[in-house]
PDB file of N, CA and C in Angstrom:
ATOM      1  N   MET A   1     -25.380 -61.452  17.715  1.00  0.00           N
ATOM      2  CA  MET A   1     -25.405 -62.070  19.235  1.00  0.00           C
ATOM      3  C   MET A   1     -25.712 -63.396  19.306  1.00  0.00           C
ATOM      4  N   ALA A   2     -27.079 -63.853  18.806  1.00  0.00           N
ATOM      5  CA  ALA A   2     -27.624 -65.081  19.083  1.00  0.00           C
ATOM      6  C   ALA A   2     -26.806 -66.131  18.763  1.00  0.00           C
ATOM      7  N   ILE A   3     -26.031 -66.038  17.667  1.00  0.00           N
ATOM      8  CA  ILE A   3     -24.841 -67.238  17.048  1.00  0.00           C
ATOM      9  C   ILE A   3     -23.891 -67.321  18.325  1.00  0.00           C
ATOM     10  N   LYS A   4     -23.382 -66.704  18.951  1.00  0.00           N
ATOM     11  CA  LYS A   4     -22.385 -67.018  20.116  1.00  0.00           C
ATOM     12  C   LYS A   4     -23.180 -68.119  21.032  1.00  0.00           C
ATOM     13  N   TYR A   5     -24.592 -68.182  21.050  1.00  0.00           N
ATOM     14  CA  TYR A   5     -25.063 -68.960  22.042  1.00  0.00           C
ATOM     15  C   TYR A   5     -25.239 -70.601  21.187  1.00  0.00           C
ATOM     16  N   LEU A   6     -25.349 -70.460  20.255  1.00  0.00           N
ATOM     17  CA  LEU A   6     -25.769 -71.592  19.187  1.00  0.00           C
ATOM     18  C   LEU A   6     -24.566 -72.558  19.239  1.00  0.00           C
ATOM     19  N   GLU A   7     -23.281 -72.228  19.313  1.00  0.00           N
ATOM     20  CA  GLU A   7     -21.925 -72.968  19.776  1.00  0.00           C
ATOM     21  C   GLU A   7     -22.075 -73.836  20.839  1.00  0.00           C
ATOM     22  N   PRO A   8     -22.283 -72.958  21.880  1.00  0.00           N
ATOM     23  CA  PRO A   8     -22.050 -73.981  23.256  1.00  0.00           C
ATOM     24  C   PRO A   8     -23.281 -74.844  23.343  1.00  0.00           C
ATOM     25  N   LEU A   9     -24.402 -74.267  22.568  1.00  0.00           N
ATOM     26  CA  LEU A   9     -25.714 -75.557  23.010  1.00  0.00           C
ATOM     27  C   LEU A   9     -25.274 -76.467  22.052  1.00  0.00           C
ATOM     28  N   ASN A  10     -24.918 -76.410  20.903  1.00  0.00           N
ATOM     29  CA  ASN A  10     -24.598 -77.768  20.036  1.00  0.00           C
ATOM     30  C   ASN A  10     -23.516 -78.426  20.814  1.00  0.00           C
ATOM     31  N   LYS A  11     -22.506 -77.895  21.180  1.00  0.00           N
ATOM     32  CA  LYS A  11     -21.422 -78.519  21.927  1.00  0.00           C
ATOM     33  C   LYS A  11     -21.926 -79.709  23.231  1.00  0.00           C
ATOM     34  N   LEU A  12     -22.920 -78.832  24.212  1.00  0.00           N
ATOM     35  CA  LEU A  12     -23.795 -79.363  24.895  1.00  0.00           C
ATOM     36  C   LEU A  12     -24.687 -80.417  24.579  1.00  0.00           C
ATOM     37  N   ILE A  13     -25.084 -80.692  23.537  1.00  0.00           N
ATOM     38  CA  ILE A  13     -26.111 -81.825  22.722  1.00  0.00           C
ATOM     39  C   ILE A  13     -25.085 -82.563  22.546  1.00  0.00           C
ATOM     40  N   ASP A  14     -23.858 -82.353  21.778  1.00  0.00           N
ATOM     41  CA  ASP A  14     -22.553 -83.523  21.409  1.00  0.00           C
ATOM     42  C   ASP A  14     -21.937 -84.062  22.758  1.00  0.00           C
ATOM     43  N   GLU A  15     -21.833 -83.338  23.884  1.00  0.00           N
ATOM     44  CA  GLU A  15     -21.358 -83.806  24.887  1.00  0.00           C
ATOM     45  C   GLU A  15     -22.168 -84.839  25.758  1.00  0.00           C
ATOM     46  N   THR A  16     -23.398 -84.277  25.987  1.00  0.00           N
ATOM     47  CA  THR A  16     -24.423 -85.262  26.504  1.00  0.00           C
ATOM     48  C   THR A  16     -24.484 -86.725  25.786  1.00  0.00           C
ATOM     49  N   ASN A  17     -24.270 -86.721  24.214  1.00  0.00           N
ATOM     50  CA  ASN A  17     -24.714 -87.768  23.518  1.00  0.00           C
ATOM     51  C   ASN A  17     -26.071 -88.332  23.537  1.00  0.00           C
ATOM     52  N   ILE A  18     -27.000 -87.057  23.295  1.00  0.00           N
ATOM     53  CA  ILE A  18     -28.576 -87.395  23.562  1.00  0.00           C
ATOM     54  C   ILE A  18     -29.058 -87.935  22.203  1.00  0.00           C
ATOM     55  N   LYS A  19     -28.300 -87.564  21.007  1.00  0.00           N
ATOM     56  CA  LYS A  19     -28.869 -88.275  20.099  1.00  0.00           C
ATOM     57  C   LYS A  19     -28.724 -89.535  20.038  1.00  0.00           C
ATOM     58  N   ALA A  20     -27.843 -90.273  20.599  1.00  0.00           N
ATOM     59  CA  ALA A  20     -27.987 -91.764  20.592  1.00  0.00           C
ATOM     60  C   ALA A  20     -29.011 -92.538  21.604  1.00  0.00           C
ATOM     61  N   GLU A  21     -29.614 -91.403  22.264  1.00  0.00           N
ATOM     62  CA  GLU A  21     -30.703 -92.156  23.159  1.00  0.00           C
ATOM     63  C   GLU A  21     -32.248 -91.741  22.640  1.00  0.00           C
ATOM     64  N   ILE A  22     -32.437 -91.289  21.712  1.00  0.00           N
ATOM     65  CA  ILE A  22     -33.539 -90.900  20.859  1.00  0.00           C
ATOM     66  C   ILE A  22     -33.760 -91.177  19.532  1.00  0.00           C
ATOM     67  N   ASP A  23     -34.910 -91.723  19.388  1.00  0.00           N
ATOM     68  CA  ASP A  23     -35.317 -92.186  18.008  1.00  0.00           C
ATOM     69  C   ASP A  23     -35.805 -90.785  17.015  1.00  0.00           C
ATOM     70  N   SER A  24     -36.076 -89.406  17.943  1.00  0.00           N
ATOM     71  CA  SER A  24     -36.316 -88.497  16.802  1.00  0.00           C
ATOM     72  C   SER A  24     -35.471 -87.666  16.329  1.00  0.00           C
ATOM     73  N   ILE A  25     -35.818 -86.780  15.749  1.00  0.00           N
ATOM     74  CA  ILE A  25     -34.649 -85.638  15.121  1.00  0.00           C
ATOM     75  C   ILE A  25     -34.785 -84.416  15.733  1.00  0.00           C
ATOM     76  N   ILE A  26     -33.774 -84.190  16.263  1.00  0.00           N
ATOM     77  CA  ILE A  26     -33.446 -82.862  17.136  1.00  0.00           C
ATOM     78  C   ILE A  26     -32.724 -81.579  16.018  1.00  0.00           C
ATOM     79  N   GLU A  27     -33.202 -80.172  16.101  1.00  0.00           N
ATOM     80  CA  GLU A  27     -32.649 -79.799  15.354  1.00  0.00           C
ATOM     81  C   GLU A  27     -31.953 -78.268  16.374  1.00  0.00           C
ATOM     82  N   THR A  28     -30.937 -77.507  16.211  1.00  0.00           N
ATOM     83  CA  THR A  28     -30.757 -76.178  16.827  1.00  0.00           C
ATOM     84  C   THR A  28     -30.581 -75.253  15.987  1.00  0.00           C
ATOM     85  N   LYS A  29     -31.016 -74.096  16.635  1.00  0.00           N
ATOM     86  CA  LYS A  29     -30.990 -72.940  15.645  1.00  0.00           C
ATOM     87  C   LYS A  29     -31.123 -71.724  16.286  1.00  0.00           C
ATOM     88  N   HIS A  30     -30.703 -70.395  15.824  1.00  0.00           N
ATOM     89  CA  HIS A  30     -30.229 -69.590  16.576  1.00  0.00           C
ATOM     90  C   HIS A  30     -31.318 -68.664  16.246  1.00  0.00           C
ATOM     91  N   PHE A  31     -31.722 -67.733  17.630  1.00  0.00           N
ATOM     92  CA  PHE A  31     -33.117 -67.207  17.478  1.00  0.00           C
ATOM     93  C   PHE A  31     -32.964 -65.682  17.864  1.00  0.00           C
ATOM     94  N   PHE A  32     -33.598 -64.923  17.900  1.00  0.00           N
ATOM     95  CA  PHE A  32     -33.691 -63.479  18.136  1.00  0.00           C
ATOM     96  C   PHE A  32     -32.217 -62.777  19.103  1.00  0.00           C
ATOM     97  N   SER A  33     -32.309 -63.553  20.575  1.00  0.00           N
ATOM     98  CA  SER A  33     -31.118 -63.289  21.237  1.00  0.00           C
ATOM     99  C   SER A  33     -30.399 -64.609  22.003  1.00  0.00           C
ATOM    100  N   GLY A  34     -30.700 -65.444  21.024  1.00  0.00           N
ATOM    101  CA  GLY A  34     -29.850 -66.653  21.664  1.00  0.00           C
ATOM    102  C   GLY A  34     -30.202 -67.972  20.579  1.00  0.00           C
ATOM    103  N   ALA A  35     -30.034 -69.331  21.360  1.00  0.00           N
ATOM    104  CA  ALA A  35     -30.179 -70.126  20.620  1.00  0.00           C
ATOM    105  C   ALA A  35     -31.275 -71.081  21.080  1.00  0.00           C
ATOM    106  N   ALA A  36     -31.492 -72.379  20.457  1.00  0.00           N
ATOM    107  CA  ALA A  36     -32.710 -73.058  20.616  1.00  0.00           C
ATOM    108  C   ALA A  36     -32.972 -74.321  19.878  1.00  0.00           C
ATOM    109  N   LEU A  37     -33.299 -75.338  21.053  1.00  0.00           N
ATOM    110  CA  LEU A  37     -33.149 -76.905  20.585  1.00  0.00           C
ATOM    111  C   LEU A  37     -34.712 -77.085  20.463  1.00  0.00           C
ATOM    112  N   TYR A  38     -34.789 -77.530  18.943  1.00  0.00           N
ATOM    113  CA  TYR A  38     -36.160 -78.094  18.715  1.00  0.00           C
ATOM    114  C   TYR A  38     -36.266 -79.704  18.725  1.00  0.00           C
ATOM    115  N   HIS A  39     -37.308 -80.304  19.157  1.00  0.00           N
ATOM    116  CA  HIS A  39     -37.644 -81.602  19.152  1.00  0.00           C
ATOM    117  C   HIS A  39     -39.245 -81.181  18.568  1.00  0.00           C
ATOM    118  N   ASN A  40     -39.128 -82.501  17.521  1.00  0.00           N
ATOM    119  CA  ASN A  40     -40.499 -82.469  16.835  1.00  0.00           C
ATOM    120  C   ASN A  40     -40.912 -81.120  16.548  1.00  0.00           C
ATOM    121  N   GLN A  41     -40.108 -80.282  15.672  1.00  0.00           N
ATOM    122  CA  GLN A  41     -40.521 -78.844  15.632  1.00  0.00           C
ATOM    123  C   GLN A  41     -40.897 -77.856  16.406  1.00  0.00           C
ATOM    124  N   LYS A  42     -40.735 -78.385  17.625  1.00  0.00           N
ATOM    125  CA  LYS A  42     -41.150 -77.206  18.783  1.00  0.00           C
ATOM    126  C   LYS A  42     -39.884 -77.209  19.721  1.00  0.00           C
ATOM    127  N   LEU A  43     -39.893 -75.763  20.149  1.00  0.00           N
ATOM    128  CA  LEU A  43     -38.997 -75.383  21.065  1.00  0.00           C
ATOM    129  C   LEU A  43     -38.887 -75.785  22.169  1.00  0.00           C
ATOM    130  N   CYS A  44     -38.128 -76.674  22.614  1.00  0.00           N
ATOM    131  CA  CYS A  44     -37.878 -76.974  24.126  1.00  0.00           C
ATOM    132  C   CYS A  44     -36.565 -76.794  25.055  1.00  0.00           C
ATOM    133  N   VAL A  45     -35.864 -76.383  24.638  1.00  0.00           N
ATOM    134  CA  VAL A  45     -34.569 -75.982  25.256  1.00  0.00           C
ATOM    135  C   VAL A  45     -34.249 -74.366  24.540  1.00  0.00           C
ATOM    136  N   SER A  46     -33.766 -73.438  25.438  1.00  0.00           N
ATOM    137  CA  SER A  46     -33.097 -72.428  24.877  1.00  0.00           C
ATOM    138  C   SER A  46     -31.922 -72.183  25.618  1.00  0.00           C
ATOM    139  N   LEU A  47     -31.123 -71.173  25.356  1.00  0.00           N
ATOM    140  CA  LEU A  47     -29.649 -70.827  25.899  1.00  0.00           C
ATOM    141  C   LEU A  47     -29.352 -69.486  25.403  1.00  0.00           C
ATOM    142  N   SER A  48     -29.806 -68.243  26.325  1.00  0.00           N
ATOM    143  CA  SER A  48     -29.792 -67.186  25.529  1.00  0.00           C
ATOM    144  C   SER A  48     -28.890 -65.927  26.942  1.00  0.00           C
ATOM    145  N   PRO A  49     -29.277 -64.741  26.565  1.00  0.00           N
ATOM    146  CA  PRO A  49     -28.421 -64.122  28.159  1.00  0.00           C
ATOM    147  C   PRO A  49     -28.986 -64.179  29.258  1.00  0.00           C
ATOM    148  N   VAL A  50     -30.295 -65.145  29.032  1.00  0.00           N
ATOM    149  CA  VAL A  50     -30.910 -65.152  30.883  1.00  0.00           C
ATOM    150  C   VAL A  50     -30.394 -66.166  31.306  1.00  0.00           C
ATOM    151  N   GLY A  51     -30.046 -67.617  30.465  1.00  0.00           N
ATOM    152  CA  GLY A  51     -29.872 -68.623  30.885  1.00  0.00           C
ATOM    153  C   GLY A  51     -30.150 -69.660  30.128  1.00  0.00           C
ATOM    154  N   LEU A  52     -29.948 -70.982  30.688  1.00  0.00           N
ATOM    155  CA  LEU A  52     -30.392 -72.227  29.798  1.00  0.00           C
ATOM    156  C   LEU A  52     -32.038 -72.387  30.702  1.00  0.00           C
ATOM    157  N   ALA A  53     -32.897 -72.762  29.557  1.00  0.00           N
ATOM    158  CA  ALA A  53     -33.980 -72.918  29.812  1.00  0.00           C
ATOM    159  C   ALA A  53     -34.745 -74.227  29.507  1.00  0.00           C
ATOM    160  N   PHE A  54     -35.210 -75.001  30.106  1.00  0.00           N
ATOM    161  CA  PHE A  54     -35.952 -76.299  29.484  1.00  0.00           C
ATOM    162  C   PHE A  54     -37.784 -76.431  29.949  1.00  0.00           C
ATOM    163  N   LYS A  55     -38.197 -76.737  28.783  1.00  0.00           N
ATOM    164  CA  LYS A  55     -39.746 -76.823  28.827  1.00  0.00           C
ATOM    165  C   LYS A  55     -40.176 -78.562  29.466  1.00  0.00           C
ATOM    166  N   LEU A  56     -40.405 -78.079  30.652  1.00  0.00           N
ATOM    167  CA  LEU A  56     -40.757 -79.423  31.285  1.00  0.00           C
ATOM    168  C   LEU A  56     -41.958 -79.524  31.622  1.00  0.00           C
ATOM    169  N   PRO A  57     -42.832 -80.751  32.029  1.00  0.00           N
ATOM    170  CA  PRO A  57     -44.247 -80.525  32.512  1.00  0.00           C
ATOM    171  C   PRO A  57     -44.233 -79.659  33.623  1.00  0.00           C
ATOM    172  N   ASP A  58     -45.434 -78.839  33.452  1.00  0.00           N
ATOM    173  CA  ASP A  58     -45.577 -77.368  34.126  1.00  0.00           C
ATOM    174  C   ASP A  58     -45.527 -77.935  35.751  1.00  0.00           C
ATOM    175  N   ASP A  59     -45.795 -79.199  36.220  1.00  0.00           N
ATOM    176  CA  ASP A  59     -45.578 -79.740  37.745  1.00  0.00           C
ATOM    177  C   ASP A  59     -43.851 -79.540  38.231  1.00  0.00           C
ATOM    178  N   GLU A  60     -42.935 -80.008  36.900  1.00  0.00           N
ATOM    179  CA  GLU A  60     -41.862 -80.379  37.591  1.00  0.00           C
ATOM    180  C   GLU A  60     -41.216 -79.074  37.415  1.00  0.00           C
ATOM    181  N   ALA A  61     -41.809 -78.156  36.488  1.00  0.00           N
ATOM    182  CA  ALA A  61     -41.013 -76.678  36.285  1.00  0.00           C
ATOM    183  C   ALA A  61     -41.313 -75.694  37.829  1.00  0.00           C
ATOM    184  N   GLU A  62     -42.322 -76.126  38.101  1.00  0.00           N
ATOM    185  CA  GLU A  62     -43.000 -75.301  39.194  1.00  0.00           C
ATOM    186  C   GLU A  62     -42.370 -75.999  40.716  1.00  0.00           C
ATOM    187  N   ILE A  63     -42.044 -77.252  40.500  1.00  0.00           N
ATOM    188  CA  ILE A  63     -41.144 -77.585  41.567  1.00  0.00           C
ATOM    189  C   ILE A  63     -39.469 -76.903  41.489  1.00  0.00           C
ATOM    190  N   LEU A  64     -38.941 -77.075  40.496  1.00  0.00           N
ATOM    191  CA  LEU A  64     -37.992 -76.683  40.605  1.00  0.00           C
ATOM    192  C   LEU A  64     -37.909 -75.046  40.897  1.00  0.00           C
ATOM    193  N   ILE A  65     -38.767 -74.363  40.707  1.00  0.00           N
ATOM    194  CA  ILE A  65     -38.940 -72.761  40.625  1.00  0.00           C
ATOM    195  C   ILE A  65     -39.073 -72.489  42.407  1.00  0.00           C
ATOM    196  N   GLY A  66     -39.927 -73.542  42.615  1.00  0.00           N
ATOM    197  CA  GLY A  66     -40.211 -73.507  44.095  1.00  0.00           C
ATOM    198  C   GLY A  66     -38.967 -73.662  44.972  1.00  0.00           C
ATOM    199  N   SER A  67     -38.280 -74.355  44.706  1.00  0.00           N
ATOM    200  CA  SER A  67     -37.410 -75.189  45.508  1.00  0.00           C
ATOM    201  C   SER A  67     -35.983 -74.448  45.522  1.00  0.00           C
ATOM    202  N   GLY A  68     -35.828 -72.972  44.243  1.00  0.00           N
ATOM    203  CA  GLY A  68     -34.800 -72.309  44.344  1.00  0.00           C
ATOM    204  C   GLY A  68     -33.839 -72.611  43.447  1.00  0.00           C
ATOM    205  N   LYS A  69     -34.287 -73.902  42.454  1.00  0.00           N
ATOM    206  CA  LYS A  69     -33.123 -74.531  42.009  1.00  0.00           C
ATOM    207  C   LYS A  69     -32.828 -73.869  40.379  1.00  0.00           C
ATOM    208  N   ALA A  70     -34.171 -73.370  40.095  1.00  0.00           N
ATOM    209  CA  ALA A  70     -34.220 -72.663  38.954  1.00  0.00           C
ATOM    210  C   ALA A  70     -35.282 -71.328  39.051  1.00  0.00           C
ATOM    211  N   GLN A  71     -35.443 -70.467  38.034  1.00  0.00           N
ATOM    212  CA  GLN A  71     -36.295 -69.451  37.858  1.00  0.00           C
ATOM    213  C   GLN A  71     -37.160 -69.345  36.830  1.00  0.00           C
ATOM    214  N   ALA A  72     -38.457 -68.550  36.923  1.00  0.00           N
ATOM    215  CA  ALA A  72     -39.134 -68.437  35.795  1.00  0.00           C
ATOM    216  C   ALA A  72     -38.884 -67.824  34.800  1.00  0.00           C
ATOM    217  N   LEU A  73     -38.992 -68.146  33.497  1.00  0.00           N
ATOM    218  CA  LEU A  73     -38.174 -67.712  32.317  1.00  0.00           C
ATOM    219  C   LEU A  73     -38.889 -66.356  31.920  1.00  0.00           C
ATOM    220  N   ARG A  74     -38.327 -65.482  32.095  1.00  0.00           N
ATOM    221  CA  ARG A  74     -38.764 -64.154  31.100  1.00  0.00           C
ATOM    222  C   ARG A  74     -37.610 -63.750  29.860  1.00  0.00           C
ATOM    223  N   TYR A  75     -37.942 -63.381  28.764  1.00  0.00           N
ATOM    224  CA  TYR A  75     -37.180 -63.120  27.914  1.00  0.00           C
ATOM    225  C   TYR A  75     -36.628 -61.795  27.978  1.00  0.00           C
ATOM    226  N   PHE A  76     -37.725 -60.969  28.937  1.00  0.00           N
ATOM    227  CA  PHE A  76     -37.265 -59.477  29.095  1.00  0.00           C
ATOM    228  C   PHE A  76     -37.556 -59.117  30.422  1.00  0.00           C
ATOM    229  N   PRO A  77     -37.113 -58.135  31.414  1.00  0.00           N
ATOM    230  CA  PRO A  77     -37.518 -58.235  32.544  1.00  0.00           C
ATOM    231  C   PRO A  77     -38.924 -57.849  32.671  1.00  0.00           C
ATOM    232  N   LYS A  78     -39.847 -57.332  32.132  1.00  0.00           N
ATOM    233  CA  LYS A  78     -41.388 -56.907  32.402  1.00  0.00           C
ATOM    234  C   LYS A  78     -41.963 -57.756  31.604  1.00  0.00           C
ATOM    235  N   GLY A  79     -41.313 -59.076  30.438  1.00  0.00           N
ATOM    236  CA  GLY A  79     -41.952 -59.565  29.680  1.00  0.00           C
ATOM    237  C   GLY A  79     -42.830 -60.945  30.794  1.00  0.00           C
ATOM    238  N   HIS A  80     -43.879 -61.252  29.927  1.00  0.00           N
ATOM    239  CA  HIS A  80     -44.472 -62.340  30.573  1.00  0.00           C
ATOM    240  C   HIS A  80     -44.056 -63.592  30.851  1.00  0.00           C
ATOM    241  N   ILE A  81     -44.043 -64.385  31.951  1.00  0.00           N
ATOM    242  CA  ILE A  81     -43.902 -65.420  32.321  1.00  0.00           C
ATOM    243  C   ILE A  81     -44.175 -66.705  31.334  1.00  0.00           C
ATOM    244  N   LYS A  82     -43.072 -67.159  31.011  1.00  0.00           N
ATOM    245  CA  LYS A  82     -43.436 -68.643  29.902  1.00  0.00           C
ATOM    246  C   LYS A  82     -43.367 -69.741  30.327  1.00  0.00           C
ATOM    247  N   LYS A  83     -44.635 -70.090  30.892  1.00  0.00           N
ATOM    248  CA  LYS A  83     -45.151 -71.091  31.303  1.00  0.00           C
ATOM    249  C   LYS A  83     -44.641 -72.646  31.251  1.00  0.00           C
ATOM    250  N   GLY A  84     -44.117 -73.427  32.175  1.00  0.00           N
ATOM    251  CA  GLY A  84     -43.884 -74.497  31.925  1.00  0.00           C
ATOM    252  C   GLY A  84     -42.088 -74.512  31.816  1.00  0.00           C
ATOM    253  N   TYR A  85     -41.375 -73.286  31.731  1.00  0.00           N
ATOM    254  CA  TYR A  85     -40.107 -73.165  31.700  1.00  0.00           C
ATOM    255  C   TYR A  85     -39.435 -73.363  32.657  1.00  0.00           C
ATOM    256  N   ALA A  86     -38.489 -74.012  33.199  1.00  0.00           N
ATOM    257  CA  ALA A  86     -37.814 -73.791  34.371  1.00  0.00           C
ATOM    258  C   ALA A  86     -36.218 -73.381  33.944  1.00  0.00           C
ATOM    259  N   LEU A  87     -35.946 -71.872  34.506  1.00  0.00           N
ATOM    260  CA  LEU A  87     -34.423 -71.295  33.909  1.00  0.00           C
ATOM    261  C   LEU A  87     -33.749 -71.445  35.011  1.00  0.00           C
ATOM    262  N   PHE A  88     -32.310 -71.691  34.300  1.00  0.00           N
ATOM    263  CA  PHE A  88     -30.842 -71.823  35.325  1.00  0.00           C
ATOM    264  C   PHE A  88     -30.441 -71.055  34.813  1.00  0.00           C
ATOM    265  N   VAL A  89     -29.929 -69.574  35.645  1.00  0.00           N
ATOM    266  CA  VAL A  89     -29.375 -68.682  35.539  1.00  0.00           C
ATOM    267  C   VAL A  89     -28.213 -68.970  35.589  1.00  0.00           C
ATOM    268  N   ASP A  90     -26.924 -68.308  34.659  1.00  0.00           N
ATOM    269  CA  ASP A  90     -25.437 -68.607  34.729  1.00  0.00           C
ATOM    270  C   ASP A  90     -25.090 -70.003  34.741  1.00  0.00           C
ATOM    271  N   PRO A  91     -25.573 -70.839  33.950  1.00  0.00           N
ATOM    272  CA  PRO A  91     -25.454 -72.359  34.166  1.00  0.00           C
ATOM    273  C   PRO A  91     -23.936 -72.750  33.618  1.00  0.00           C
ATOM    274  N   ASP A  92     -23.722 -73.564  34.262  1.00  0.00           N
ATOM    275  CA  ASP A  92     -22.362 -74.230  34.459  1.00  0.00           C
ATOM    276  C   ASP A  92     -22.179 -75.249  33.066  1.00  0.00           C
ATOM    277  N   LEU A  93     -22.276 -75.000  32.015  1.00  0.00           N
ATOM    278  CA  LEU A  93     -22.487 -76.014  30.928  1.00  0.00           C
ATOM    279  C   LEU A  93     -21.665 -77.241  30.994  1.00  0.00           C
ATOM    280  N   SER A  94     -20.206 -77.115  31.689  1.00  0.00           N
ATOM    281  CA  SER A  94     -19.441 -78.594  31.564  1.00  0.00           C
ATOM    282  C   SER A  94     -20.226 -79.642  32.610  1.00  0.00           C
ATOM    283  N   GLN A  95     -21.120 -78.854  33.264  1.00  0.00           N
ATOM    284  CA  GLN A  95     -21.740 -80.265  33.934  1.00  0.00           C
ATOM    285  C   GLN A  95     -22.885 -81.045  33.315  1.00  0.00           C
ATOM    286  N   THR A  96     -22.241 -81.688  32.376  1.00  0.00           N
ATOM    287  CA  THR A  96     -23.107 -82.809  31.375  1.00  0.00           C
ATOM    288  C   THR A  96     -23.952 -83.743  32.065  1.00  0.00           C
ATOM    289  N   VAL A  97     -24.010 -84.204  33.261  1.00  0.00           N
ATOM    290  CA  VAL A  97     -24.484 -85.385  33.793  1.00  0.00           C
ATOM    291  C   VAL A  97     -25.931 -84.417  34.171  1.00  0.00           C
ATOM    292  N   LEU A  98     -25.839 -83.615  34.760  1.00  0.00           N
ATOM    293  CA  LEU A  98     -27.077 -82.726  34.984  1.00  0.00           C
ATOM    294  C   LEU A  98     -27.765 -82.232  33.746  1.00  0.00           C
ATOM    295  N   TRP A  99     -27.379 -81.676  33.182  1.00  0.00           N
ATOM    296  CA  TRP A  99     -28.193 -80.960  31.827  1.00  0.00           C
ATOM    297  C   TRP A  99     -28.311 -82.406  30.867  1.00  0.00           C
ATOM    298  N   LYS A 100     -27.930 -83.409  30.945  1.00  0.00           N
ATOM    299  CA  LYS A 100     -28.397 -84.603  30.190  1.00  0.00           C
ATOM    300  C   LYS A 100     -29.651 -85.327  30.973  1.00  0.00           C
ATOM    301  N   THR A 101     -30.077 -84.989  32.439  1.00  0.00           N
ATOM    302  CA  THR A 101     -31.093 -85.333  33.043  1.00  0.00           C
ATOM    303  C   THR A 101     -32.162 -84.560  32.352  1.00  0.00           C
ATOM    304  N   TYR A 102     -32.024 -83.118  32.302  1.00  0.00           N
ATOM    305  CA  TYR A 102     -32.918 -82.530  31.890  1.00  0.00           C
ATOM    306  C   TYR A 102     -33.569 -82.554  30.605  1.00  0.00           C
ATOM    307  N   LEU A 103     -32.595 -82.701  29.556  1.00  0.00           N
ATOM    308  CA  LEU A 103     -32.540 -82.880  28.347  1.00  0.00           C
ATOM    309  C   LEU A 103     -33.551 -84.103  27.900  1.00  0.00           C
ATOM    310  N   LEU A 104     -33.006 -85.182  28.465  1.00  0.00           N
ATOM    311  CA  LEU A 104     -33.807 -86.356  28.356  1.00  0.00           C
ATOM    312  C   LEU A 104     -35.116 -86.157  28.451  1.00  0.00           C
ATOM    313  N   LYS A 105     -35.568 -85.608  30.099  1.00  0.00           N
ATOM    314  CA  LYS A 105     -37.173 -85.508  30.437  1.00  0.00           C
ATOM    315  C   LYS A 105     -37.611 -84.529  29.221  1.00  0.00           C
ATOM    316  N   VAL A 106     -37.131 -83.369  28.811  1.00  0.00           N
ATOM    317  CA  VAL A 106     -38.004 -82.535  27.866  1.00  0.00           C
ATOM    318  C   VAL A 106     -38.060 -83.470  26.629  1.00  0.00           C
ATOM    319  N   LEU A 107     -36.780 -84.229  26.166  1.00  0.00           N
ATOM    320  CA  LEU A 107     -37.233 -84.764  24.831  1.00  0.00           C
ATOM    321  C   LEU A 107     -38.437 -85.950  24.946  1.00  0.00           C
ATOM    322  N   LYS A 108     -38.395 -86.507  25.891  1.00  0.00           N
ATOM    323  CA  LYS A 108     -39.572 -87.476  26.495  1.00  0.00           C
ATOM    324  C   LYS A 108     -40.791 -86.605  26.381  1.00  0.00           C
ATOM    325  N   HIS A 109     -40.940 -85.687  27.233  1.00  0.00           N
ATOM    326  CA  HIS A 109     -42.067 -84.814  27.378  1.00  0.00           C
ATOM    327  C   HIS A 109     -42.587 -84.459  26.102  1.00  0.00           C
ATOM    328  N   ASN A 110     -42.061 -83.912  25.046  1.00  0.00           N
ATOM    329  CA  ASN A 110     -42.065 -82.701  23.801  1.00  0.00           C
ATOM    330  C   ASN A 110     -42.423 -83.701  22.808  1.00  0.00           C
TER     331      ASN A 110
END
């Protein structure tokens, strides 16, 4: 199941062309139920059945969640909230300009 999330995440990274804008290495891998982007060996973005999540500075994640633009990330309905993550449920991955903004924030933060 996780492999089906890896291809769309890789496509999003390619379409945003973020590799041309950063000096460090990023890597994508599949995990238990989705796919993740790693920067400096730290997980910073995930695409999974719950949506597209970005590891942002805590205050930015809280603003997005508080405004209703994003939700708190939980991988399981009764699981704990992953602090600092903003989750976009049912994301339209064709909105590359929007996602590129968050990707660049994540890569500069982590």
